Amino acid sequence: MRTMTEIIKFTKGQSIRTAVACAGDKEVLEAILSAASEELVEPILYGDEKKIRTILDELETDAESFTIVSCTSDEEACKAACRDVSEGRASILMKGFVDTKVILKAVLNEGLVEDGGLLSHVMTFEFRDRSKLLMVSDGGVVMYPGLFEKSVMIRNAKVLADALGISPFKVACLSAVEKVNPKLQSTLDGKALKEMSGKAGFEGIIIEGPISFDLAVSRDAAEIKGYESPVAGDADMLLVPDMEAGNILAKSLTYMAGGDSAGLVLGAKVPIVLVSRADSSRVKLNSIALAVLVAKKGESIE
């Protein structure tokens, strides 16, 4: 799949039960109403019931048509939503208007991550002048990933790649340079990850690294620099050195390059819709559709 619109159209009619933690926000509820109207999801709304009902009334929507779980705090709303997902009452978790650390704490405490598992965030972008989607990981969860964490982040993202029908999955391990420098850890990690390409646990994945941003996204730049790789100019995902780099890159692609985006946390038992509180209802709708796609792919695998 190559566009957000295509993903939304494909996931219509699925009606996946979705737990929305801290749903008392206009942008969040607009996205949920849009998704529910297309039967992407069947939402359960957790949070301040009075506030949720007030916003639904402002949006000229009958609150009685939704399941609302009244909670007295953000922490309680996140805990209740995660508990219901853990117990099988919903197949997608969505972050509403709440700090990321609050909902991720509940995710961990309520058993949504397998022992030894690692959560990682993936932003997926659509650009008008690019013929396919582009992922960026991780700009929101893993602060300082080492080699092991980066390897898991790639495998987490492969779940999304499979749902999107991307094969082979081309991953660019970003650094400031494309040559190994012992003083620059991202180049050492990139080289080590490249050696994992196609091996056990990385089947169907082509990993290139270290590689600079321009070489990962521009065939012209790769040709000028004489850089040959199946990933050069054709990356499906940019694996960044750390969370700061990922956060800055993702927001630059959104606000400066006009990328239409979606954000998910992967590595839990269910996909987690997680975008910035400042993101538009369109970005939230994109993210919901992407989560539905992943959830349905998981069901077909099982």
C-alpha atoms as a PDB file:
ATOM      1  CA  MET A   1       0.000   0.000   0.000  1.00  0.00           C
ATOM      2  CA  ARG A   2       1.330   3.400  -1.006  1.00  0.00           C
ATOM      3  CA  THR A   3      -1.041   6.054   0.395  1.00  0.00           C
ATOM      4  CA  MET A   4      -2.948   6.774   3.589  1.00  0.00           C
ATOM      5  CA  THR A   5      -6.182   7.050   1.622  1.00  0.00           C
ATOM      6  CA  GLU A   6      -5.637   3.552   0.249  1.00  0.00           C
ATOM      7  CA  ILE A   7      -5.116   2.209   3.774  1.00  0.00           C
ATOM      8  CA  ILE A   8      -8.268   3.909   5.056  1.00  0.00           C
ATOM      9  CA  LYS A   9     -10.335   2.525   2.160  1.00  0.00           C
ATOM     10  CA  PHE A  10      -8.916  -0.971   2.657  1.00  0.00           C
ATOM     11  CA  THR A  11      -9.740  -1.056   6.378  1.00  0.00           C
ATOM     12  CA  LYS A  12     -13.345   0.136   6.041  1.00  0.00           C
ATOM     13  CA  GLY A  13     -15.909  -2.204   7.532  1.00  0.00           C
ATOM     14  CA  GLN A  14     -13.537  -3.992   9.919  1.00  0.00           C
ATOM     15  CA  SER A  15     -15.086  -2.529  13.116  1.00  0.00           C
ATOM     16  CA  ILE A  16     -12.157  -3.471  15.365  1.00  0.00           C
ATOM     17  CA  ARG A  17     -12.818  -2.907  19.069  1.00  0.00           C
ATOM     18  CA  THR A  18     -10.543  -0.031  20.091  1.00  0.00           C
ATOM     19  CA  ALA A  19      -9.828   1.219  23.620  1.00  0.00           C
ATOM     20  CA  VAL A  20      -9.255   4.993  23.621  1.00  0.00           C
ATOM     21  CA  ALA A  21      -7.490   6.135  26.802  1.00  0.00           C
ATOM     22  CA  CYS A  22      -8.203   9.749  27.833  1.00  0.00           C
ATOM     23  CA  ALA A  23     -10.701  10.355  25.048  1.00  0.00           C
ATOM     24  CA  GLY A  24     -11.859  13.764  26.296  1.00  0.00           C
ATOM     25  CA  ASP A  25     -10.323  15.809  23.464  1.00  0.00           C
ATOM     26  CA  LYS A  26     -11.982  17.267  20.371  1.00  0.00           C
ATOM     27  CA  GLU A  27      -9.269  16.204  17.889  1.00  0.00           C
ATOM     28  CA  VAL A  28      -9.208  12.679  19.303  1.00  0.00           C
ATOM     29  CA  LEU A  29     -12.986  12.327  19.181  1.00  0.00           C
ATOM     30  CA  GLU A  30     -13.185  13.786  15.663  1.00  0.00           C
ATOM     31  CA  ALA A  31     -10.769  11.103  14.501  1.00  0.00           C
ATOM     32  CA  ILE A  32     -12.670   8.391  16.351  1.00  0.00           C
ATOM     33  CA  LEU A  33     -16.007   9.545  14.943  1.00  0.00           C
ATOM     34  CA  SER A  34     -14.571   9.551  11.442  1.00  0.00           C
ATOM     35  CA  ALA A  35     -13.129   6.066  11.925  1.00  0.00           C
ATOM     36  CA  ALA A  36     -16.356   4.775  13.457  1.00  0.00           C
ATOM     37  CA  SER A  37     -18.466   6.235  10.633  1.00  0.00           C
ATOM     38  CA  GLU A  38     -16.422   4.187   8.159  1.00  0.00           C
ATOM     39  CA  GLU A  39     -16.680   1.142  10.438  1.00  0.00           C
ATOM     40  CA  LEU A  40     -12.927   0.958  10.888  1.00  0.00           C
ATOM     41  CA  VAL A  41     -13.359   0.663  14.642  1.00  0.00           C
ATOM     42  CA  GLU A  42     -15.884   0.131  17.395  1.00  0.00           C
ATOM     43  CA  PRO A  43     -14.549   2.506  20.081  1.00  0.00           C
ATOM     44  CA  ILE A  44     -14.627   2.284  23.857  1.00  0.00           C
ATOM     45  CA  LEU A  45     -13.989   5.719  25.377  1.00  0.00           C
ATOM     46  CA  TYR A  46     -12.160   6.044  28.714  1.00  0.00           C
ATOM     47  CA  GLY A  47     -11.815   9.245  30.709  1.00  0.00           C
ATOM     48  CA  ASP A  48     -13.805  12.147  32.123  1.00  0.00           C
ATOM     49  CA  GLU A  49     -17.326  11.110  31.128  1.00  0.00           C
ATOM     50  CA  LYS A  50     -18.790  14.592  31.461  1.00  0.00           C
ATOM     51  CA  LYS A  51     -16.091  16.085  29.240  1.00  0.00           C
ATOM     52  CA  ILE A  52     -16.435  13.300  26.657  1.00  0.00           C
ATOM     53  CA  ARG A  53     -20.216  13.774  26.509  1.00  0.00           C
ATOM     54  CA  THR A  54     -19.854  17.555  26.230  1.00  0.00           C
ATOM     55  CA  ILE A  55     -17.473  17.280  23.273  1.00  0.00           C
ATOM     56  CA  LEU A  56     -19.646  14.665  21.568  1.00  0.00           C
ATOM     57  CA  ASP A  57     -22.606  17.036  21.984  1.00  0.00           C
ATOM     58  CA  GLU A  58     -20.559  19.858  20.415  1.00  0.00           C
ATOM     59  CA  LEU A  59     -19.804  17.517  17.535  1.00  0.00           C
ATOM     60  CA  GLU A  60     -23.547  16.815  17.222  1.00  0.00           C
ATOM     61  CA  THR A  61     -23.105  13.158  18.047  1.00  0.00           C
ATOM     62  CA  ASP A  62     -25.263  11.021  20.306  1.00  0.00           C
ATOM     63  CA  ALA A  63     -23.088   9.929  23.222  1.00  0.00           C
ATOM     64  CA  GLU A  64     -25.449   7.012  23.886  1.00  0.00           C
ATOM     65  CA  SER A  65     -24.188   5.303  20.745  1.00  0.00           C
ATOM     66  CA  PHE A  66     -20.756   4.852  22.375  1.00  0.00           C
ATOM     67  CA  THR A  67     -19.452   2.855  25.303  1.00  0.00           C
ATOM     68  CA  ILE A  68     -17.988   5.339  27.797  1.00  0.00           C
ATOM     69  CA  VAL A  69     -15.976   4.181  30.817  1.00  0.00           C
ATOM     70  CA  SER A  70     -15.910   6.933  33.427  1.00  0.00           C
ATOM     71  CA  CYS A  71     -12.484   7.485  35.025  1.00  0.00           C
ATOM     72  CA  THR A  72     -11.372  10.069  37.569  1.00  0.00           C
ATOM     73  CA  SER A  73      -7.806  10.569  36.328  1.00  0.00           C
ATOM     74  CA  ASP A  74      -5.556  10.041  33.321  1.00  0.00           C
ATOM     75  CA  GLU A  75      -3.790   7.241  35.157  1.00  0.00           C
ATOM     76  CA  GLU A  76      -7.061   5.448  35.870  1.00  0.00           C
ATOM     77  CA  ALA A  77      -8.219   5.858  32.260  1.00  0.00           C
ATOM     78  CA  CYS A  78      -4.972   4.411  30.881  1.00  0.00           C
ATOM     79  CA  LYS A  79      -5.005   1.545  33.357  1.00  0.00           C
ATOM     80  CA  ALA A  80      -8.641   0.658  32.600  1.00  0.00           C
ATOM     81  CA  ALA A  81      -8.105   0.796  28.830  1.00  0.00           C
ATOM     82  CA  CYS A  82      -4.966  -1.353  29.007  1.00  0.00           C
ATOM     83  CA  ARG A  83      -6.627  -3.844  31.329  1.00  0.00           C
ATOM     84  CA  ASP A  84      -9.550  -4.289  28.938  1.00  0.00           C
ATOM     85  CA  VAL A  85      -7.153  -4.801  26.015  1.00  0.00           C
ATOM     86  CA  SER A  86      -5.142  -7.298  28.060  1.00  0.00           C
ATOM     87  CA  GLU A  87      -8.327  -9.219  28.861  1.00  0.00           C
ATOM     88  CA  GLY A  88      -9.370  -9.351  25.209  1.00  0.00           C
ATOM     89  CA  ARG A  89     -12.166  -6.794  25.190  1.00  0.00           C
ATOM     90  CA  ALA A  90     -10.373  -4.677  22.580  1.00  0.00           C
ATOM     91  CA  SER A  91      -7.777  -5.383  19.875  1.00  0.00           C
ATOM     92  CA  ILE A  92      -6.298  -1.883  19.495  1.00  0.00           C
ATOM     93  CA  LEU A  93      -5.166   0.623  22.115  1.00  0.00           C
ATOM     94  CA  MET A  94      -5.215   4.349  21.334  1.00  0.00           C
ATOM     95  CA  LYS A  95      -3.526   7.175  23.217  1.00  0.00           C
ATOM     96  CA  GLY A  96      -5.845  10.120  23.640  1.00  0.00           C
ATOM     97  CA  PHE A  97      -4.951  13.452  25.235  1.00  0.00           C
ATOM     98  CA  VAL A  98      -2.401  12.164  27.759  1.00  0.00           C
ATOM     99  CA  ASP A  99       1.362  12.147  28.250  1.00  0.00           C
ATOM    100  CA  THR A 100       3.052   9.256  26.469  1.00  0.00           C
ATOM    101  CA  LYS A 101       4.835   8.129  29.634  1.00  0.00           C
ATOM    102  CA  VAL A 102       1.505   7.721  31.445  1.00  0.00           C
ATOM    103  CA  ILE A 103      -0.048   5.371  28.905  1.00  0.00           C
ATOM    104  CA  LEU A 104       3.160   3.408  28.304  1.00  0.00           C
ATOM    105  CA  LYS A 105       3.493   2.830  32.055  1.00  0.00           C
ATOM    106  CA  ALA A 106       0.008   1.322  32.028  1.00  0.00           C
ATOM    107  CA  VAL A 107       0.897  -0.780  28.956  1.00  0.00           C
ATOM    108  CA  LEU A 108       3.825  -2.293  30.841  1.00  0.00           C
ATOM    109  CA  ASN A 109       1.977  -2.707  34.158  1.00  0.00           C
ATOM    110  CA  GLU A 110      -1.055  -4.396  32.593  1.00  0.00           C
ATOM    111  CA  GLY A 111       0.934  -7.117  30.834  1.00  0.00           C
ATOM    112  CA  LEU A 112       0.647  -5.960  27.227  1.00  0.00           C
ATOM    113  CA  VAL A 113       4.333  -6.609  26.587  1.00  0.00           C
ATOM    114  CA  GLU A 114       5.859 -10.076  26.621  1.00  0.00           C
ATOM    115  CA  ASP A 115       8.747 -10.674  29.032  1.00  0.00           C
ATOM    116  CA  GLY A 116      11.901  -9.390  27.402  1.00  0.00           C
ATOM    117  CA  GLY A 117       9.884  -7.520  24.766  1.00  0.00           C
ATOM    118  CA  LEU A 118      10.640  -4.004  23.588  1.00  0.00           C
ATOM    119  CA  LEU A 119       8.196  -1.303  22.558  1.00  0.00           C
ATOM    120  CA  SER A 120       9.219   0.965  19.700  1.00  0.00           C
ATOM    121  CA  HIS A 121       7.542   3.802  17.839  1.00  0.00           C
ATOM    122  CA  VAL A 122       7.180   3.960  14.066  1.00  0.00           C
ATOM    123  CA  MET A 123       6.032   7.027  12.162  1.00  0.00           C
ATOM    124  CA  THR A 124       4.843   6.342   8.624  1.00  0.00           C
ATOM    125  CA  PHE A 125       4.828   9.128   6.043  1.00  0.00           C
ATOM    126  CA  GLU A 126       3.244   9.736   2.666  1.00  0.00           C
ATOM    127  CA  PHE A 127       4.762  12.386   0.383  1.00  0.00           C
ATOM    128  CA  ARG A 128       3.214  13.672  -2.828  1.00  0.00           C
ATOM    129  CA  ASP A 129       6.482  13.344  -4.759  1.00  0.00           C
ATOM    130  CA  ARG A 130       7.385   9.858  -3.464  1.00  0.00           C
ATOM    131  CA  SER A 131       5.860   6.697  -4.893  1.00  0.00           C
ATOM    132  CA  LYS A 132       5.759   4.772  -1.621  1.00  0.00           C
ATOM    133  CA  LEU A 133       5.472   5.196   2.135  1.00  0.00           C
ATOM    134  CA  LEU A 134       8.448   5.944   4.370  1.00  0.00           C
ATOM    135  CA  MET A 135       8.819   4.837   8.004  1.00  0.00           C
ATOM    136  CA  VAL A 136      10.949   6.463  10.706  1.00  0.00           C
ATOM    137  CA  SER A 137      11.868   4.684  13.950  1.00  0.00           C
ATOM    138  CA  ASP A 138      12.202   5.559  16.771  1.00  0.00           C
ATOM    139  CA  GLY A 139      11.293   9.135  17.641  1.00  0.00           C
ATOM    140  CA  GLY A 140       9.113   8.592  20.681  1.00  0.00           C
ATOM    141  CA  VAL A 141       9.882   5.604  22.893  1.00  0.00           C
ATOM    142  CA  VAL A 142      13.432   4.208  22.888  1.00  0.00           C
ATOM    143  CA  MET A 143      15.748   7.019  23.969  1.00  0.00           C
ATOM    144  CA  TYR A 144      19.227   5.577  23.458  1.00  0.00           C
ATOM    145  CA  PRO A 145      18.962   2.266  21.586  1.00  0.00           C
ATOM    146  CA  GLY A 146      21.970   0.003  21.481  1.00  0.00           C
ATOM    147  CA  LEU A 147      22.618  -2.634  18.855  1.00  0.00           C
ATOM    148  CA  PHE A 148      20.202  -5.132  20.415  1.00  0.00           C
ATOM    149  CA  GLU A 149      17.404  -2.576  20.742  1.00  0.00           C
ATOM    150  CA  LYS A 150      17.895  -1.461  17.139  1.00  0.00           C
ATOM    151  CA  SER A 151      17.655  -5.054  15.948  1.00  0.00           C
ATOM    152  CA  VAL A 152      14.344  -5.461  17.793  1.00  0.00           C
ATOM    153  CA  MET A 153      13.083  -2.147  16.424  1.00  0.00           C
ATOM    154  CA  ILE A 154      13.673  -3.461  12.905  1.00  0.00           C
ATOM    155  CA  ARG A 155      11.774  -6.671  13.674  1.00  0.00           C
ATOM    156  CA  ASN A 156       8.920  -4.688  15.233  1.00  0.00           C
ATOM    157  CA  ALA A 157       8.671  -2.540  12.106  1.00  0.00           C
ATOM    158  CA  LYS A 158       8.677  -5.664   9.927  1.00  0.00           C
ATOM    159  CA  VAL A 159       5.225  -6.455  11.353  1.00  0.00           C
ATOM    160  CA  LEU A 160       3.980  -3.177   9.893  1.00  0.00           C
ATOM    161  CA  ALA A 161       5.849  -3.760   6.636  1.00  0.00           C
ATOM    162  CA  ASP A 162       4.162  -7.148   6.265  1.00  0.00           C
ATOM    163  CA  ALA A 163       0.739  -5.592   6.861  1.00  0.00           C
ATOM    164  CA  LEU A 164       1.476  -3.000   4.172  1.00  0.00           C
ATOM    165  CA  GLY A 165       2.634  -5.684   1.742  1.00  0.00           C
ATOM    166  CA  ILE A 166       6.218  -4.389   1.588  1.00  0.00           C
ATOM    167  CA  SER A 167       8.633  -7.074   0.382  1.00  0.00           C
ATOM    168  CA  PRO A 168      11.543  -7.008   0.658  1.00  0.00           C
ATOM    169  CA  PHE A 169      11.631  -4.555   3.553  1.00  0.00           C
ATOM    170  CA  LYS A 170      14.490  -2.095   2.995  1.00  0.00           C
ATOM    171  CA  VAL A 171      15.947  -0.519   6.136  1.00  0.00           C
ATOM    172  CA  ALA A 172      18.485   2.321   6.169  1.00  0.00           C
ATOM    173  CA  CYS A 173      20.528   2.615   9.385  1.00  0.00           C
ATOM    174  CA  LEU A 174      21.194   6.337   9.439  1.00  0.00           C
ATOM    175  CA  SER A 175      24.389   8.069  10.415  1.00  0.00           C
ATOM    176  CA  ALA A 176      26.125  11.304   9.481  1.00  0.00           C
ATOM    177  CA  VAL A 177      28.455   9.366   7.200  1.00  0.00           C
ATOM    178  CA  GLU A 178      28.441   6.154   5.174  1.00  0.00           C
ATOM    179  CA  LYS A 179      31.802   4.867   6.251  1.00  0.00           C
ATOM    180  CA  VAL A 180      32.572   3.123   9.535  1.00  0.00           C
ATOM    181  CA  ASN A 181      34.191   5.399  12.099  1.00  0.00           C
ATOM    182  CA  PRO A 182      35.164   3.795  15.438  1.00  0.00           C
ATOM    183  CA  LYS A 183      34.381   7.079  17.177  1.00  0.00           C
ATOM    184  CA  LEU A 184      30.817   7.222  15.806  1.00  0.00           C
ATOM    185  CA  GLN A 185      28.640   4.511  17.352  1.00  0.00           C
ATOM    186  CA  SER A 186      25.894   4.771  14.753  1.00  0.00           C
ATOM    187  CA  THR A 187      28.349   3.655  12.059  1.00  0.00           C
ATOM    188  CA  LEU A 188      29.406   0.622  14.088  1.00  0.00           C
ATOM    189  CA  ASP A 189      25.774  -0.316  14.731  1.00  0.00           C
ATOM    190  CA  GLY A 190      24.898   0.220  11.086  1.00  0.00           C
ATOM    191  CA  LYS A 191      27.639  -2.116   9.944  1.00  0.00           C
ATOM    192  CA  ALA A 192      26.629  -4.799  12.473  1.00  0.00           C
ATOM    193  CA  LEU A 193      22.955  -4.544  11.515  1.00  0.00           C
ATOM    194  CA  LYS A 194      23.778  -4.794   7.825  1.00  0.00           C
ATOM    195  CA  GLU A 195      25.455  -8.138   8.531  1.00  0.00           C
ATOM    196  CA  MET A 196      22.124  -9.392   9.971  1.00  0.00           C
ATOM    197  CA  SER A 197      20.302  -8.918   6.621  1.00  0.00           C
ATOM    198  CA  GLY A 198      18.376 -12.007   5.606  1.00  0.00           C
ATOM    199  CA  LYS A 199      19.603 -14.096   8.516  1.00  0.00           C
ATOM    200  CA  ALA A 200      17.415 -15.864  11.091  1.00  0.00           C
ATOM    201  CA  GLY A 201      14.876 -13.394  12.425  1.00  0.00           C
ATOM    202  CA  PHE A 202      15.572 -10.975   9.582  1.00  0.00           C
ATOM    203  CA  GLU A 203      14.189 -12.921   6.641  1.00  0.00           C
ATOM    204  CA  GLY A 204      12.818 -10.645   3.929  1.00  0.00           C
ATOM    205  CA  ILE A 205      14.743  -7.645   5.258  1.00  0.00           C
ATOM    206  CA  ILE A 206      17.536  -5.813   3.453  1.00  0.00           C
ATOM    207  CA  ILE A 207      19.510  -3.694   5.911  1.00  0.00           C
ATOM    208  CA  GLU A 208      21.986  -1.051   4.797  1.00  0.00           C
ATOM    209  CA  GLY A 209      24.327   0.831   7.076  1.00  0.00           C
ATOM    210  CA  PRO A 210      25.861   3.054   7.892  1.00  0.00           C
ATOM    211  CA  ILE A 211      24.145   5.311   5.385  1.00  0.00           C
ATOM    212  CA  SER A 212      23.443   9.044   5.369  1.00  0.00           C
ATOM    213  CA  PHE A 213      19.961  10.493   4.986  1.00  0.00           C
ATOM    214  CA  ASP A 214      20.511  11.806   1.466  1.00  0.00           C
ATOM    215  CA  LEU A 215      21.726   8.447   0.185  1.00  0.00           C
ATOM    216  CA  ALA A 216      18.793   6.636   1.801  1.00  0.00           C
ATOM    217  CA  VAL A 217      16.120   8.751   0.103  1.00  0.00           C
ATOM    218  CA  SER A 218      17.732  10.072  -3.105  1.00  0.00           C
ATOM    219  CA  ARG A 219      18.892   7.924  -6.006  1.00  0.00           C
ATOM    220  CA  ASP A 220      20.489  11.019  -7.531  1.00  0.00           C
ATOM    221  CA  ALA A 221      22.619  11.596  -4.424  1.00  0.00           C
ATOM    222  CA  ALA A 222      23.642   7.929  -4.368  1.00  0.00           C
ATOM    223  CA  GLU A 223      24.624   8.049  -8.039  1.00  0.00           C
ATOM    224  CA  ILE A 224      26.655  11.228  -7.615  1.00  0.00           C
ATOM    225  CA  LYS A 225      28.511   9.760  -4.629  1.00  0.00           C
ATOM    226  CA  GLY A 226      28.943   6.375  -6.297  1.00  0.00           C
ATOM    227  CA  TYR A 227      27.082   4.595  -3.487  1.00  0.00           C
ATOM    228  CA  GLU A 228      25.631   1.287  -4.639  1.00  0.00           C
ATOM    229  CA  SER A 229      22.977  -0.503  -2.588  1.00  0.00           C
ATOM    230  CA  PRO A 230      19.429  -1.804  -3.164  1.00  0.00           C
ATOM    231  CA  VAL A 231      18.406   0.471  -0.279  1.00  0.00           C
ATOM    232  CA  ALA A 232      19.954   3.665  -1.677  1.00  0.00           C
ATOM    233  CA  GLY A 233      17.204   6.060  -2.736  1.00  0.00           C
ATOM    234  CA  ASP A 234      14.582   3.397  -2.037  1.00  0.00           C
ATOM    235  CA  ALA A 235      14.468   2.938   1.743  1.00  0.00           C
ATOM    236  CA  ASP A 236      11.232   1.776   3.336  1.00  0.00           C
ATOM    237  CA  MET A 237      12.406   2.746   6.819  1.00  0.00           C
ATOM    238  CA  LEU A 238      14.947   5.125   8.284  1.00  0.00           C
ATOM    239  CA  LEU A 239      16.371   3.713  11.520  1.00  0.00           C
ATOM    240  CA  VAL A 240      17.684   6.704  13.477  1.00  0.00           C
ATOM    241  CA  PRO A 241      20.578   6.706  15.983  1.00  0.00           C
ATOM    242  CA  ASP A 242      18.471   7.843  18.962  1.00  0.00           C
ATOM    243  CA  MET A 243      15.094   9.276  19.986  1.00  0.00           C
ATOM    244  CA  GLU A 244      16.169  12.911  19.685  1.00  0.00           C
ATOM    245  CA  ALA A 245      17.243  12.422  16.077  1.00  0.00           C
ATOM    246  CA  GLY A 246      14.048  10.519  15.297  1.00  0.00           C
ATOM    247  CA  ASN A 247      11.790  13.096  16.930  1.00  0.00           C
ATOM    248  CA  ILE A 248      13.442  15.986  15.107  1.00  0.00           C
ATOM    249  CA  LEU A 249      13.428  14.140  11.783  1.00  0.00           C
ATOM    250  CA  ALA A 250       9.781  13.062  12.058  1.00  0.00           C
ATOM    251  CA  LYS A 251       8.582  16.544  12.984  1.00  0.00           C
ATOM    252  CA  SER A 252      10.671  18.077  10.200  1.00  0.00           C
ATOM    253  CA  LEU A 253       9.073  15.712   7.699  1.00  0.00           C
ATOM    254  CA  THR A 254       5.646  16.712   9.048  1.00  0.00           C
ATOM    255  CA  TYR A 255       5.982  20.468   9.397  1.00  0.00           C
ATOM    256  CA  MET A 256       8.574  21.322   6.736  1.00  0.00           C
ATOM    257  CA  ALA A 257       8.103  18.629   4.085  1.00  0.00           C
ATOM    258  CA  GLY A 258       4.316  18.359   4.392  1.00  0.00           C
ATOM    259  CA  GLY A 259       4.269  14.639   5.025  1.00  0.00           C
ATOM    260  CA  ASP A 260       0.900  13.034   5.739  1.00  0.00           C
ATOM    261  CA  SER A 261       1.654  10.744   8.650  1.00  0.00           C
ATOM    262  CA  ALA A 262       0.560   8.051  11.064  1.00  0.00           C
ATOM    263  CA  GLY A 263       2.121   6.846  14.310  1.00  0.00           C
ATOM    264  CA  LEU A 264       2.085   3.445  15.985  1.00  0.00           C
ATOM    265  CA  VAL A 265       3.854   1.772  18.870  1.00  0.00           C
ATOM    266  CA  LEU A 266       4.736  -1.812  18.028  1.00  0.00           C
ATOM    267  CA  GLY A 267       6.099  -4.653  20.128  1.00  0.00           C
ATOM    268  CA  ALA A 268       3.045  -4.987  22.389  1.00  0.00           C
ATOM    269  CA  LYS A 269       0.378  -7.669  22.112  1.00  0.00           C
ATOM    270  CA  VAL A 270      -1.752  -5.218  20.104  1.00  0.00           C
ATOM    271  CA  PRO A 271      -0.929  -2.190  17.948  1.00  0.00           C
ATOM    272  CA  ILE A 272      -0.971   1.092  19.886  1.00  0.00           C
ATOM    273  CA  VAL A 273      -2.058   4.309  18.195  1.00  0.00           C
ATOM    274  CA  LEU A 274       0.346   6.933  19.512  1.00  0.00           C
ATOM    275  CA  VAL A 275       0.791  10.372  17.991  1.00  0.00           C
ATOM    276  CA  SER A 276       1.551  13.809  19.392  1.00  0.00           C
ATOM    277  CA  ARG A 277      -1.228  15.632  21.211  1.00  0.00           C
ATOM    278  CA  ALA A 278      -0.635  18.452  18.698  1.00  0.00           C
ATOM    279  CA  ASP A 279      -1.281  16.215  15.684  1.00  0.00           C
ATOM    280  CA  SER A 280      -4.410  16.786  13.633  1.00  0.00           C
ATOM    281  CA  SER A 281      -7.473  14.570  13.570  1.00  0.00           C
ATOM    282  CA  ARG A 282      -6.345  13.482  10.069  1.00  0.00           C
ATOM    283  CA  VAL A 283      -3.065  12.117  11.456  1.00  0.00           C
ATOM    284  CA  LYS A 284      -4.999  10.334  14.191  1.00  0.00           C
ATOM    285  CA  LEU A 285      -7.381   8.825  11.611  1.00  0.00           C
ATOM    286  CA  ASN A 286      -4.422   7.650   9.518  1.00  0.00           C
ATOM    287  CA  SER A 287      -2.937   6.031  12.616  1.00  0.00           C
ATOM    288  CA  ILE A 288      -6.178   4.276  13.495  1.00  0.00           C
ATOM    289  CA  ALA A 289      -6.428   2.845   9.980  1.00  0.00           C
ATOM    290  CA  LEU A 290      -2.826   1.638  10.137  1.00  0.00           C
ATOM    291  CA  ALA A 291      -3.517  -0.022  13.502  1.00  0.00           C
ATOM    292  CA  VAL A 292      -6.569  -1.766  12.043  1.00  0.00           C
ATOM    293  CA  LEU A 293      -4.403  -3.038   9.185  1.00  0.00           C
ATOM    294  CA  VAL A 294      -1.830  -4.462  11.622  1.00  0.00           C
ATOM    295  CA  ALA A 295      -4.505  -5.968  13.878  1.00  0.00           C
ATOM    296  CA  LYS A 296      -6.194  -7.742  10.994  1.00  0.00           C
ATOM    297  CA  LYS A 297      -2.869  -9.032   9.678  1.00  0.00           C
ATOM    298  CA  GLY A 298      -2.152 -10.442  13.149  1.00  0.00           C
ATOM    299  CA  GLU A 299      -5.487 -12.244  13.147  1.00  0.00           C
ATOM    300  CA  SER A 300      -4.803 -13.810   9.755  1.00  0.00           C
ATOM    301  CA  ILE A 301      -1.395 -15.012  10.952  1.00  0.00           C
ATOM    302  CA  GLU A 302      -2.912 -16.647  14.003  1.00  0.00           C
END
